[in-house]
Amino acid sequence: MTCETRFLSRVIRREGKLVETRVRKNESLEDALRRFKRGVAKDGTLAEVRKRRHYEKPSVKRKLKSEAARKNKKF
């Protein structure tokens, strides 16, 4: 079991939900995969995994948040 797999299982367990896609009758596998990807994107699972891939110290989080606020500030 890789590190990402272990983390993904923790994320799913924490959230308590799992994206499930069943292939419909007369539906191609590509269409089912597209629906699955859309569900994962909507659920935010992939974004959560990418965000938590590496540990960030709280000071670094604050710094990035401050920089983002400065960047998004409108005059």
PDB file of N, CA and C in Angstrom:
ATOM      1  N   MET A   1       0.855  -1.174   0.000  1.00  0.00           N
ATOM      2  CA  MET A   1       0.000   0.000   0.000  1.00  0.00           C
ATOM      3  C   MET A   1       0.901   1.236   0.000  1.00  0.00           C
ATOM      4  N   THR A   2       0.724   2.103  -0.985  1.00  0.00           N
ATOM      5  CA  THR A   2       1.559   3.287  -1.083  1.00  0.00           C
ATOM      6  C   THR A   2       1.079   4.350  -0.107  1.00  0.00           C
ATOM      7  N   CYS A   3       1.895   5.354   0.047  1.00  0.00           N
ATOM      8  CA  CYS A   3       1.573   6.457   0.963  1.00  0.00           C
ATOM      9  C   CYS A   3       0.292   7.167   0.515  1.00  0.00           C
ATOM     10  N   GLU A   4       0.174   7.413  -0.797  1.00  0.00           N
ATOM     11  CA  GLU A   4      -1.017   8.102  -1.297  1.00  0.00           C
ATOM     12  C   GLU A   4      -2.272   7.271  -1.070  1.00  0.00           C
ATOM     13  N   THR A   5      -2.162   5.969  -1.254  1.00  0.00           N
ATOM     14  CA  THR A   5      -3.317   5.099  -1.050  1.00  0.00           C
ATOM     15  C   THR A   5      -3.754   5.123   0.402  1.00  0.00           C
ATOM     16  N   ARG A   6      -2.772   5.073   1.311  1.00  0.00           N
ATOM     17  CA  ARG A   6      -3.112   5.127   2.728  1.00  0.00           C
ATOM     18  C   ARG A   6      -3.782   6.447   3.061  1.00  0.00           C
ATOM     19  N   PHE A   7      -3.255   7.541   2.522  1.00  0.00           N
ATOM     20  CA  PHE A   7      -3.836   8.845   2.814  1.00  0.00           C
ATOM     21  C   PHE A   7      -5.241   8.948   2.243  1.00  0.00           C
ATOM     22  N   LEU A   8      -5.413   8.469   1.012  1.00  0.00           N
ATOM     23  CA  LEU A   8      -6.722   8.549   0.382  1.00  0.00           C
ATOM     24  C   LEU A   8      -7.752   7.782   1.193  1.00  0.00           C
ATOM     25  N   SER A   9      -7.363   6.624   1.720  1.00  0.00           N
ATOM     26  CA  SER A   9      -8.311   5.862   2.533  1.00  0.00           C
ATOM     27  C   SER A   9      -8.650   6.618   3.810  1.00  0.00           C
ATOM     28  N   ARG A  10      -7.681   7.357   4.369  1.00  0.00           N
ATOM     29  CA  ARG A  10      -7.967   8.165   5.560  1.00  0.00           C
ATOM     30  C   ARG A  10      -8.924   9.292   5.223  1.00  0.00           C
ATOM     31  N   VAL A  11      -8.724   9.940   4.077  1.00  0.00           N
ATOM     32  CA  VAL A  11      -9.602  11.035   3.673  1.00  0.00           C
ATOM     33  C   VAL A  11     -11.020  10.514   3.497  1.00  0.00           C
ATOM     34  N   ILE A  12     -11.154   9.373   2.839  1.00  0.00           N
ATOM     35  CA  ILE A  12     -12.482   8.810   2.604  1.00  0.00           C
ATOM     36  C   ILE A  12     -13.131   8.424   3.926  1.00  0.00           C
ATOM     37  N   ARG A  13     -12.363   7.819   4.818  1.00  0.00           N
ATOM     38  CA  ARG A  13     -12.907   7.427   6.112  1.00  0.00           C
ATOM     39  C   ARG A  13     -13.331   8.658   6.906  1.00  0.00           C
ATOM     40  N   ARG A  14     -12.534   9.726   6.851  1.00  0.00           N
ATOM     41  CA  ARG A  14     -12.840  10.938   7.601  1.00  0.00           C
ATOM     42  C   ARG A  14     -14.123  11.574   7.081  1.00  0.00           C
ATOM     43  N   GLU A  15     -14.255  11.629   5.786  1.00  0.00           N
ATOM     44  CA  GLU A  15     -15.433  12.241   5.187  1.00  0.00           C
ATOM     45  C   GLU A  15     -16.659  11.355   5.344  1.00  0.00           C
ATOM     46  N   GLY A  16     -16.451  10.059   5.375  1.00  0.00           N
ATOM     47  CA  GLY A  16     -17.568   9.151   5.535  1.00  0.00           C
ATOM     48  C   GLY A  16     -18.373   8.933   4.270  1.00  0.00           C
ATOM     49  N   LYS A  17     -17.829   9.333   3.143  1.00  0.00           N
ATOM     50  CA  LYS A  17     -18.537   9.128   1.889  1.00  0.00           C
ATOM     51  C   LYS A  17     -17.543   8.689   0.822  1.00  0.00           C
ATOM     52  N   LEU A  18     -18.072   8.042  -0.182  1.00  0.00           N
ATOM     53  CA  LEU A  18     -17.239   7.512  -1.244  1.00  0.00           C
ATOM     54  C   LEU A  18     -17.963   7.729  -2.562  1.00  0.00           C
ATOM     55  N   VAL A  19     -17.248   8.226  -3.550  1.00  0.00           N
ATOM     56  CA  VAL A  19     -17.859   8.435  -4.855  1.00  0.00           C
ATOM     57  C   VAL A  19     -18.031   7.074  -5.512  1.00  0.00           C
ATOM     58  N   GLU A  20     -19.242   6.786  -5.900  1.00  0.00           N
ATOM     59  CA  GLU A  20     -19.535   5.498  -6.528  1.00  0.00           C
ATOM     60  C   GLU A  20     -20.192   5.744  -7.873  1.00  0.00           C
ATOM     61  N   THR A  21     -19.693   5.068  -8.894  1.00  0.00           N
ATOM     62  CA  THR A  21     -20.248   5.198 -10.230  1.00  0.00           C
ATOM     63  C   THR A  21     -20.516   3.810 -10.778  1.00  0.00           C
ATOM     64  N   ARG A  22     -21.737   3.579 -11.163  1.00  0.00           N
ATOM     65  CA  ARG A  22     -22.097   2.292 -11.757  1.00  0.00           C
ATOM     66  C   ARG A  22     -22.307   2.492 -13.249  1.00  0.00           C
ATOM     67  N   VAL A  23     -21.793   1.560 -14.013  1.00  0.00           N
ATOM     68  CA  VAL A  23     -21.938   1.637 -15.465  1.00  0.00           C
ATOM     69  C   VAL A  23     -23.383   1.304 -15.816  1.00  0.00           C
ATOM     70  N   ARG A  24     -24.022   2.231 -16.500  1.00  0.00           N
ATOM     71  CA  ARG A  24     -25.420   2.047 -16.885  1.00  0.00           C
ATOM     72  C   ARG A  24     -25.522   1.128 -18.099  1.00  0.00           C
ATOM     73  N   LYS A  25     -26.710   0.682 -18.337  1.00  0.00           N
ATOM     74  CA  LYS A  25     -26.953  -0.177 -19.491  1.00  0.00           C
ATOM     75  C   LYS A  25     -26.681   0.618 -20.768  1.00  0.00           C
ATOM     76  N   ASN A  26     -25.986   0.011 -21.703  1.00  0.00           N
ATOM     77  CA  ASN A  26     -25.634   0.633 -22.992  1.00  0.00           C
ATOM     78  C   ASN A  26     -24.785   1.891 -22.825  1.00  0.00           C
ATOM     79  N   GLU A  27     -24.014   1.983 -21.751  1.00  0.00           N
ATOM     80  CA  GLU A  27     -23.125   3.128 -21.535  1.00  0.00           C
ATOM     81  C   GLU A  27     -21.689   2.660 -21.724  1.00  0.00           C
ATOM     82  N   SER A  28     -20.913   3.461 -22.416  1.00  0.00           N
ATOM     83  CA  SER A  28     -19.518   3.080 -22.631  1.00  0.00           C
ATOM     84  C   SER A  28     -18.717   3.313 -21.352  1.00  0.00           C
ATOM     85  N   LEU A  29     -17.604   2.639 -21.271  1.00  0.00           N
ATOM     86  CA  LEU A  29     -16.742   2.780 -20.106  1.00  0.00           C
ATOM     87  C   LEU A  29     -16.187   4.198 -20.009  1.00  0.00           C
ATOM     88  N   GLU A  30     -15.928   4.818 -21.151  1.00  0.00           N
ATOM     89  CA  GLU A  30     -15.412   6.189 -21.167  1.00  0.00           C
ATOM     90  C   GLU A  30     -16.418   7.164 -20.556  1.00  0.00           C
ATOM     91  N   ASP A  31     -17.700   6.961 -20.874  1.00  0.00           N
ATOM     92  CA  ASP A  31     -18.739   7.830 -20.306  1.00  0.00           C
ATOM     93  C   ASP A  31     -18.850   7.645 -18.798  1.00  0.00           C
ATOM     94  N   ALA A  32     -18.749   6.392 -18.349  1.00  0.00           N
ATOM     95  CA  ALA A  32     -18.807   6.123 -16.909  1.00  0.00           C
ATOM     96  C   ALA A  32     -17.601   6.727 -16.207  1.00  0.00           C
ATOM     97  N   LEU A  33     -16.439   6.629 -16.830  1.00  0.00           N
ATOM     98  CA  LEU A  33     -15.230   7.216 -16.250  1.00  0.00           C
ATOM     99  C   LEU A  33     -15.347   8.734 -16.177  1.00  0.00           C
ATOM    100  N   ARG A  34     -15.938   9.337 -17.201  1.00  0.00           N
ATOM    101  CA  ARG A  34     -16.140  10.784 -17.213  1.00  0.00           C
ATOM    102  C   ARG A  34     -17.065  11.204 -16.063  1.00  0.00           C
ATOM    103  N   ARG A  35     -18.139  10.425 -15.843  1.00  0.00           N
ATOM    104  CA  ARG A  35     -19.043  10.723 -14.727  1.00  0.00           C
ATOM    105  C   ARG A  35     -18.338  10.562 -13.390  1.00  0.00           C
ATOM    106  N   PHE A  36     -17.486   9.534 -13.282  1.00  0.00           N
ATOM    107  CA  PHE A  36     -16.736   9.320 -12.045  1.00  0.00           C
ATOM    108  C   PHE A  36     -15.798  10.492 -11.772  1.00  0.00           C
ATOM    109  N   LYS A  37     -15.076  10.930 -12.785  1.00  0.00           N
ATOM    110  CA  LYS A  37     -14.148  12.054 -12.616  1.00  0.00           C
ATOM    111  C   LYS A  37     -14.895  13.320 -12.206  1.00  0.00           C
ATOM    112  N   ARG A  38     -16.059  13.525 -12.808  1.00  0.00           N
ATOM    113  CA  ARG A  38     -16.870  14.692 -12.460  1.00  0.00           C
ATOM    114  C   ARG A  38     -17.323  14.620 -11.001  1.00  0.00           C
ATOM    115  N   GLY A  39     -17.700  13.430 -10.561  1.00  0.00           N
ATOM    116  CA  GLY A  39     -18.124  13.245  -9.172  1.00  0.00           C
ATOM    117  C   GLY A  39     -16.995  13.479  -8.192  1.00  0.00           C
ATOM    118  N   VAL A  40     -15.797  13.002  -8.539  1.00  0.00           N
ATOM    119  CA  VAL A  40     -14.631  13.211  -7.670  1.00  0.00           C
ATOM    120  C   VAL A  40     -14.287  14.693  -7.601  1.00  0.00           C
ATOM    121  N   ALA A  41     -14.359  15.384  -8.737  1.00  0.00           N
ATOM    122  CA  ALA A  41     -14.061  16.815  -8.750  1.00  0.00           C
ATOM    123  C   ALA A  41     -15.093  17.591  -7.933  1.00  0.00           C
ATOM    124  N   LYS A  42     -16.353  17.231  -8.072  1.00  0.00           N
ATOM    125  CA  LYS A  42     -17.421  17.916  -7.335  1.00  0.00           C
ATOM    126  C   LYS A  42     -17.304  17.655  -5.837  1.00  0.00           C
ATOM    127  N   ASP A  43     -16.925  16.437  -5.486  1.00  0.00           N
ATOM    128  CA  ASP A  43     -16.786  16.044  -4.086  1.00  0.00           C
ATOM    129  C   ASP A  43     -15.587  16.727  -3.425  1.00  0.00           C
ATOM    130  N   GLY A  44     -14.568  17.049  -4.214  1.00  0.00           N
ATOM    131  CA  GLY A  44     -13.380  17.699  -3.664  1.00  0.00           C
ATOM    132  C   GLY A  44     -12.345  16.729  -3.127  1.00  0.00           C
ATOM    133  N   THR A  45     -12.493  15.460  -3.404  1.00  0.00           N
ATOM    134  CA  THR A  45     -11.569  14.450  -2.890  1.00  0.00           C
ATOM    135  C   THR A  45     -10.171  14.649  -3.444  1.00  0.00           C
ATOM    136  N   LEU A  46     -10.063  14.848  -4.747  1.00  0.00           N
ATOM    137  CA  LEU A  46      -8.756  14.989  -5.372  1.00  0.00           C
ATOM    138  C   LEU A  46      -8.055  16.261  -4.898  1.00  0.00           C
ATOM    139  N   ALA A  47      -8.793  17.342  -4.765  1.00  0.00           N
ATOM    140  CA  ALA A  47      -8.208  18.588  -4.276  1.00  0.00           C
ATOM    141  C   ALA A  47      -7.695  18.420  -2.851  1.00  0.00           C
ATOM    142  N   GLU A  48      -8.439  17.694  -2.038  1.00  0.00           N
ATOM    143  CA  GLU A  48      -8.031  17.441  -0.656  1.00  0.00           C
ATOM    144  C   GLU A  48      -6.747  16.623  -0.606  1.00  0.00           C
ATOM    145  N   VAL A  49      -6.643  15.627  -1.457  1.00  0.00           N
ATOM    146  CA  VAL A  49      -5.435  14.792  -1.497  1.00  0.00           C
ATOM    147  C   VAL A  49      -4.240  15.623  -1.932  1.00  0.00           C
ATOM    148  N   ARG A  50      -4.425  16.439  -2.953  1.00  0.00           N
ATOM    149  CA  ARG A  50      -3.317  17.278  -3.422  1.00  0.00           C
ATOM    150  C   ARG A  50      -2.902  18.283  -2.350  1.00  0.00           C
ATOM    151  N   LYS A  51      -3.880  18.835  -1.651  1.00  0.00           N
ATOM    152  CA  LYS A  51      -3.590  19.829  -0.620  1.00  0.00           C
ATOM    153  C   LYS A  51      -2.804  19.219   0.532  1.00  0.00           C
ATOM    154  N   ARG A  52      -3.110  17.995   0.890  1.00  0.00           N
ATOM    155  CA  ARG A  52      -2.483  17.355   2.042  1.00  0.00           C
ATOM    156  C   ARG A  52      -1.369  16.385   1.669  1.00  0.00           C
ATOM    157  N   ARG A  53      -0.888  16.453   0.441  1.00  0.00           N
ATOM    158  CA  ARG A  53       0.154  15.533  -0.004  1.00  0.00           C
ATOM    159  C   ARG A  53       1.413  15.685   0.849  1.00  0.00           C
ATOM    160  N   HIS A  54       1.751  16.920   1.183  1.00  0.00           N
ATOM    161  CA  HIS A  54       2.916  17.187   2.017  1.00  0.00           C
ATOM    162  C   HIS A  54       2.485  18.042   3.201  1.00  0.00           C
ATOM    163  N   TYR A  55       3.175  17.856   4.324  1.00  0.00           N
ATOM    164  CA  TYR A  55       2.856  18.623   5.521  1.00  0.00           C
ATOM    165  C   TYR A  55       3.308  20.066   5.347  1.00  0.00           C
ATOM    166  N   GLU A  56       2.457  20.993   5.748  1.00  0.00           N
ATOM    167  CA  GLU A  56       2.811  22.411   5.761  1.00  0.00           C
ATOM    168  C   GLU A  56       2.738  22.905   7.191  1.00  0.00           C
ATOM    169  N   LYS A  57       3.799  23.567   7.608  1.00  0.00           N
ATOM    170  CA  LYS A  57       3.794  24.127   8.949  1.00  0.00           C
ATOM    171  C   LYS A  57       2.738  25.223   9.025  1.00  0.00           C
ATOM    172  N   PRO A  58       2.177  25.447  10.204  1.00  0.00           N
ATOM    173  CA  PRO A  58       1.161  26.498  10.347  1.00  0.00           C
ATOM    174  C   PRO A  58       1.671  27.877   9.927  1.00  0.00           C
ATOM    175  N   SER A  59       2.947  28.162  10.174  1.00  0.00           N
ATOM    176  CA  SER A  59       3.492  29.462   9.784  1.00  0.00           C
ATOM    177  C   SER A  59       3.507  29.613   8.265  1.00  0.00           C
ATOM    178  N   VAL A  60       3.804  28.539   7.553  1.00  0.00           N
ATOM    179  CA  VAL A  60       3.806  28.581   6.092  1.00  0.00           C
ATOM    180  C   VAL A  60       2.384  28.752   5.578  1.00  0.00           C
ATOM    181  N   LYS A  61       1.422  28.086   6.209  1.00  0.00           N
ATOM    182  CA  LYS A  61       0.021  28.235   5.815  1.00  0.00           C
ATOM    183  C   LYS A  61      -0.434  29.684   5.971  1.00  0.00           C
ATOM    184  N   ARG A  62      -0.069  30.292   7.113  1.00  0.00           N
ATOM    185  CA  ARG A  62      -0.450  31.691   7.347  1.00  0.00           C
ATOM    186  C   ARG A  62       0.181  32.599   6.307  1.00  0.00           C
ATOM    187  N   LYS A  63       1.446  32.353   5.986  1.00  0.00           N
ATOM    188  CA  LYS A  63       2.150  33.183   5.010  1.00  0.00           C
ATOM    189  C   LYS A  63       1.487  33.074   3.639  1.00  0.00           C
ATOM    190  N   LEU A  64       1.173  31.861   3.202  1.00  0.00           N
ATOM    191  CA  LEU A  64       0.521  31.668   1.909  1.00  0.00           C
ATOM    192  C   LEU A  64      -0.868  32.298   1.884  1.00  0.00           C
ATOM    193  N   LYS A  65      -1.590  32.177   2.992  1.00  0.00           N
ATOM    194  CA  LYS A  65      -2.921  32.767   3.074  1.00  0.00           C
ATOM    195  C   LYS A  65      -2.836  34.290   2.981  1.00  0.00           C
ATOM    196  N   SER A  66      -1.842  34.873   3.647  1.00  0.00           N
ATOM    197  CA  SER A  66      -1.647  36.314   3.615  1.00  0.00           C
ATOM    198  C   SER A  66      -1.281  36.784   2.207  1.00  0.00           C
ATOM    199  N   GLU A  67      -0.395  36.045   1.550  1.00  0.00           N
ATOM    200  CA  GLU A  67      -0.006  36.408   0.187  1.00  0.00           C
ATOM    201  C   GLU A  67      -1.185  36.308  -0.777  1.00  0.00           C
ATOM    202  N   ALA A  68      -2.011  35.280  -0.610  1.00  0.00           N
ATOM    203  CA  ALA A  68      -3.186  35.121  -1.469  1.00  0.00           C
ATOM    204  C   ALA A  68      -4.175  36.257  -1.244  1.00  0.00           C
ATOM    205  N   ALA A  69      -4.340  36.675   0.001  1.00  0.00           N
ATOM    206  CA  ALA A  69      -5.256  37.775   0.303  1.00  0.00           C
ATOM    207  C   ALA A  69      -4.747  39.072  -0.316  1.00  0.00           C
ATOM    208  N   ARG A  70      -3.442  39.288  -0.224  1.00  0.00           N
ATOM    209  CA  ARG A  70      -2.852  40.481  -0.822  1.00  0.00           C
ATOM    210  C   ARG A  70      -3.023  40.465  -2.338  1.00  0.00           C
ATOM    211  N   LYS A  71      -2.838  39.294  -2.939  1.00  0.00           N
ATOM    212  CA  LYS A  71      -2.953  39.161  -4.388  1.00  0.00           C
ATOM    213  C   LYS A  71      -4.391  39.394  -4.845  1.00  0.00           C
ATOM    214  N   ASN A  72      -5.353  38.908  -4.077  1.00  0.00           N
ATOM    215  CA  ASN A  72      -6.759  39.010  -4.460  1.00  0.00           C
ATOM    216  C   ASN A  72      -7.426  40.307  -4.021  1.00  0.00           C
ATOM    217  N   LYS A  73      -6.693  41.131  -3.292  1.00  0.00           N
ATOM    218  CA  LYS A  73      -7.266  42.383  -2.797  1.00  0.00           C
ATOM    219  C   LYS A  73      -7.594  43.301  -3.970  1.00  0.00           C
ATOM    220  N   LYS A  74      -8.794  43.851  -3.938  1.00  0.00           N
ATOM    221  CA  LYS A  74      -9.217  44.745  -5.013  1.00  0.00           C
ATOM    222  C   LYS A  74      -9.236  46.172  -4.481  1.00  0.00           C
ATOM    223  N   PHE A  75      -8.828  47.076  -5.330  1.00  0.00           N
ATOM    224  CA  PHE A  75      -8.780  48.481  -4.916  1.00  0.00           C
ATOM    225  C   PHE A  75     -10.057  49.183  -5.214  1.00  0.00           C
TER     226      PHE A  75
END
